[in-house]
Amino acid sequence: MADEIDIAQERIEADLAARIASRTVYTGISAKECEDCGEDIPEDRRKAVDGVKLCKLCGDLAELKAKGVRRG
């Protein structure tokens, strides 16, 4: 019989699996300029994220929009 701790652990694992499955995965050659704003993408970001096309700010905004978060 599952107790509250087991149920909570199952929910945490399901939430983590859903977050991992929905993350943005970049592949290919990284862009030097952001596709949205045109700003330079730092070398450290281009090395850390293969195939990145957006700067950090635009990437964060794109993730929020994909999740359906609206600005208030």
N, C-alpha and C. Protein backbone atom coordinates (compact mmCIF):
# COMPACT_ATOMS: atom_id res chain seq x y z
N MET A 1 0.84 -1.18 0.00
CA MET A 1 0.00 0.00 0.00
C MET A 1 0.89 1.25 0.00
N ALA A 2 0.61 2.14 -0.94
CA ALA A 2 1.43 3.35 -1.07
C ALA A 2 1.04 4.39 -0.02
N ASP A 3 2.05 4.96 0.60
CA ASP A 3 1.75 6.02 1.55
C ASP A 3 1.97 7.38 0.87
N GLU A 4 1.79 8.46 1.61
CA GLU A 4 1.87 9.81 1.04
C GLU A 4 3.25 10.11 0.45
N ILE A 5 4.28 9.61 1.07
CA ILE A 5 5.64 9.84 0.57
C ILE A 5 5.83 9.18 -0.79
N ASP A 6 5.34 7.96 -0.95
CA ASP A 6 5.45 7.26 -2.23
C ASP A 6 4.68 8.00 -3.33
N ILE A 7 3.51 8.47 -3.00
CA ILE A 7 2.69 9.20 -3.97
C ILE A 7 3.38 10.50 -4.37
N ALA A 8 3.92 11.21 -3.40
CA ALA A 8 4.64 12.45 -3.68
C ALA A 8 5.86 12.18 -4.56
N GLN A 9 6.58 11.12 -4.27
CA GLN A 9 7.77 10.77 -5.05
C GLN A 9 7.38 10.46 -6.51
N GLU A 10 6.29 9.74 -6.70
CA GLU A 10 5.82 9.43 -8.05
C GLU A 10 5.45 10.70 -8.81
N ARG A 11 4.82 11.65 -8.14
CA ARG A 11 4.46 12.92 -8.78
C ARG A 11 5.71 13.71 -9.16
N ILE A 12 6.68 13.72 -8.28
CA ILE A 12 7.94 14.43 -8.57
C ILE A 12 8.62 13.81 -9.77
N GLU A 13 8.70 12.50 -9.83
CA GLU A 13 9.33 11.82 -10.95
C GLU A 13 8.59 12.07 -12.26
N ALA A 14 7.26 12.08 -12.21
CA ALA A 14 6.46 12.35 -13.41
C ALA A 14 6.66 13.78 -13.88
N ASP A 15 6.71 14.72 -12.94
CA ASP A 15 6.94 16.13 -13.28
C ASP A 15 8.32 16.32 -13.90
N LEU A 16 9.31 15.70 -13.32
CA LEU A 16 10.68 15.80 -13.84
C LEU A 16 10.77 15.21 -15.25
N ALA A 17 10.15 14.07 -15.46
CA ALA A 17 10.15 13.44 -16.78
C ALA A 17 9.47 14.34 -17.82
N ALA A 18 8.37 14.98 -17.44
CA ALA A 18 7.67 15.89 -18.36
C ALA A 18 8.51 17.10 -18.69
N ARG A 19 9.21 17.64 -17.71
CA ARG A 19 10.07 18.81 -17.94
C ARG A 19 11.24 18.45 -18.86
N ILE A 20 11.82 17.30 -18.64
CA ILE A 20 12.94 16.87 -19.49
C ILE A 20 12.46 16.65 -20.92
N ALA A 21 11.30 16.05 -21.09
CA ALA A 21 10.76 15.78 -22.43
C ALA A 21 10.41 17.06 -23.17
N SER A 22 10.05 18.12 -22.45
CA SER A 22 9.60 19.35 -23.11
C SER A 22 10.71 20.37 -23.31
N ARG A 23 11.92 20.06 -22.90
CA ARG A 23 13.00 21.04 -23.03
C ARG A 23 13.39 21.23 -24.50
N THR A 24 13.95 22.38 -24.79
CA THR A 24 14.40 22.69 -26.14
C THR A 24 15.76 22.03 -26.36
N VAL A 25 15.88 21.29 -27.44
CA VAL A 25 17.14 20.63 -27.77
C VAL A 25 17.65 21.21 -29.08
N TYR A 26 18.81 21.82 -29.04
CA TYR A 26 19.41 22.40 -30.22
C TYR A 26 20.42 21.42 -30.81
N THR A 27 20.51 21.38 -32.12
CA THR A 27 21.52 20.57 -32.80
C THR A 27 22.07 21.36 -33.96
N GLY A 28 23.24 21.00 -34.40
CA GLY A 28 23.84 21.65 -35.56
C GLY A 28 24.81 22.74 -35.17
N ILE A 29 25.03 23.64 -36.11
CA ILE A 29 26.00 24.73 -35.92
C ILE A 29 25.31 25.90 -35.23
N SER A 30 25.97 26.43 -34.22
CA SER A 30 25.43 27.57 -33.48
C SER A 30 25.55 28.85 -34.29
N ALA A 31 24.54 29.70 -34.19
CA ALA A 31 24.55 30.99 -34.87
C ALA A 31 25.42 31.97 -34.08
N LYS A 32 25.97 32.95 -34.77
CA LYS A 32 26.77 33.98 -34.09
C LYS A 32 25.89 35.14 -33.66
N GLU A 33 24.74 35.31 -34.33
CA GLU A 33 23.80 36.37 -33.98
C GLU A 33 22.43 35.75 -33.69
N CYS A 34 21.72 36.34 -32.75
CA CYS A 34 20.38 35.88 -32.37
C CYS A 34 19.42 36.08 -33.55
N GLU A 35 18.63 35.06 -33.84
CA GLU A 35 17.66 35.15 -34.93
C GLU A 35 16.54 36.13 -34.63
N ASP A 36 16.24 36.36 -33.36
CA ASP A 36 15.13 37.26 -33.01
C ASP A 36 15.57 38.72 -32.90
N CYS A 37 16.60 39.00 -32.13
CA CYS A 37 16.97 40.39 -31.87
C CYS A 37 18.21 40.86 -32.62
N GLY A 38 18.99 39.94 -33.16
CA GLY A 38 20.18 40.32 -33.91
C GLY A 38 21.43 40.58 -33.08
N GLU A 39 21.31 40.46 -31.76
CA GLU A 39 22.47 40.65 -30.89
C GLU A 39 23.44 39.48 -31.03
N ASP A 40 24.71 39.75 -30.75
CA ASP A 40 25.71 38.68 -30.79
C ASP A 40 25.43 37.66 -29.68
N ILE A 41 25.62 36.38 -30.02
CA ILE A 41 25.49 35.31 -29.02
C ILE A 41 26.90 35.07 -28.47
N PRO A 42 27.07 35.17 -27.16
CA PRO A 42 28.41 34.99 -26.57
C PRO A 42 29.02 33.62 -26.92
N GLU A 43 30.32 33.62 -27.09
CA GLU A 43 31.05 32.40 -27.44
C GLU A 43 30.80 31.28 -26.43
N ASP A 44 30.76 31.61 -25.15
CA ASP A 44 30.51 30.60 -24.11
C ASP A 44 29.16 29.92 -24.32
N ARG A 45 28.13 30.69 -24.68
CA ARG A 45 26.80 30.11 -24.93
C ARG A 45 26.83 29.24 -26.18
N ARG A 46 27.52 29.69 -27.23
CA ARG A 46 27.58 28.91 -28.46
C ARG A 46 28.30 27.59 -28.25
N LYS A 47 29.30 27.57 -27.37
CA LYS A 47 30.01 26.33 -27.07
C LYS A 47 29.18 25.41 -26.17
N ALA A 48 28.44 26.00 -25.24
CA ALA A 48 27.67 25.21 -24.28
C ALA A 48 26.41 24.61 -24.88
N VAL A 49 25.81 25.29 -25.87
CA VAL A 49 24.53 24.84 -26.44
C VAL A 49 24.72 24.65 -27.94
N ASP A 50 24.95 23.41 -28.37
CA ASP A 50 25.14 23.12 -29.79
C ASP A 50 23.91 23.54 -30.60
N GLY A 51 24.13 24.27 -31.67
CA GLY A 51 23.05 24.66 -32.57
C GLY A 51 22.17 25.78 -32.06
N VAL A 52 22.63 26.51 -31.06
CA VAL A 52 21.82 27.59 -30.50
C VAL A 52 21.58 28.67 -31.56
N LYS A 53 20.36 29.18 -31.60
CA LYS A 53 19.98 30.20 -32.58
C LYS A 53 19.52 31.49 -31.92
N LEU A 54 19.31 31.45 -30.59
CA LEU A 54 18.80 32.60 -29.85
C LEU A 54 19.74 32.96 -28.71
N CYS A 55 19.80 34.27 -28.40
CA CYS A 55 20.57 34.71 -27.23
C CYS A 55 19.83 34.23 -25.97
N LYS A 56 20.43 34.40 -24.82
CA LYS A 56 19.85 33.92 -23.57
C LYS A 56 18.47 34.53 -23.32
N LEU A 57 18.36 35.85 -23.47
CA LEU A 57 17.09 36.52 -23.20
C LEU A 57 16.00 36.04 -24.15
N CYS A 58 16.28 36.01 -25.44
CA CYS A 58 15.27 35.56 -26.42
C CYS A 58 14.95 34.08 -26.24
N GLY A 59 15.94 33.28 -25.87
CA GLY A 59 15.70 31.86 -25.60
C GLY A 59 14.78 31.66 -24.41
N ASP A 60 15.00 32.44 -23.35
CA ASP A 60 14.14 32.36 -22.18
C ASP A 60 12.71 32.78 -22.52
N LEU A 61 12.57 33.86 -23.31
CA LEU A 61 11.25 34.32 -23.72
C LEU A 61 10.54 33.28 -24.58
N ALA A 62 11.27 32.63 -25.47
CA ALA A 62 10.68 31.61 -26.34
C ALA A 62 10.18 30.43 -25.50
N GLU A 63 10.93 30.04 -24.48
CA GLU A 63 10.51 28.94 -23.61
C GLU A 63 9.23 29.30 -22.85
N LEU A 64 9.17 30.54 -22.35
CA LEU A 64 7.97 30.98 -21.63
C LEU A 64 6.76 30.99 -22.55
N LYS A 65 6.94 31.48 -23.78
CA LYS A 65 5.84 31.50 -24.74
C LYS A 65 5.39 30.08 -25.06
N ALA A 66 6.33 29.16 -25.20
CA ALA A 66 5.99 27.77 -25.49
C ALA A 66 5.18 27.14 -24.35
N LYS A 67 5.43 27.60 -23.13
CA LYS A 67 4.70 27.08 -21.97
C LYS A 67 3.36 27.78 -21.78
N GLY A 68 3.12 28.84 -22.57
CA GLY A 68 1.85 29.55 -22.48
C GLY A 68 1.82 30.63 -21.42
N VAL A 69 3.01 31.05 -20.95
CA VAL A 69 3.08 32.11 -19.94
C VAL A 69 2.89 33.44 -20.63
N ARG A 70 2.01 34.26 -20.07
CA ARG A 70 1.75 35.58 -20.64
C ARG A 70 2.27 36.65 -19.70
N ARG A 71 2.70 37.74 -20.30
CA ARG A 71 3.16 38.87 -19.49
C ARG A 71 1.96 39.61 -18.93
N GLY A 72 2.08 40.06 -17.70
CA GLY A 72 0.96 40.72 -17.05
C GLY A 72 1.10 42.19 -16.93
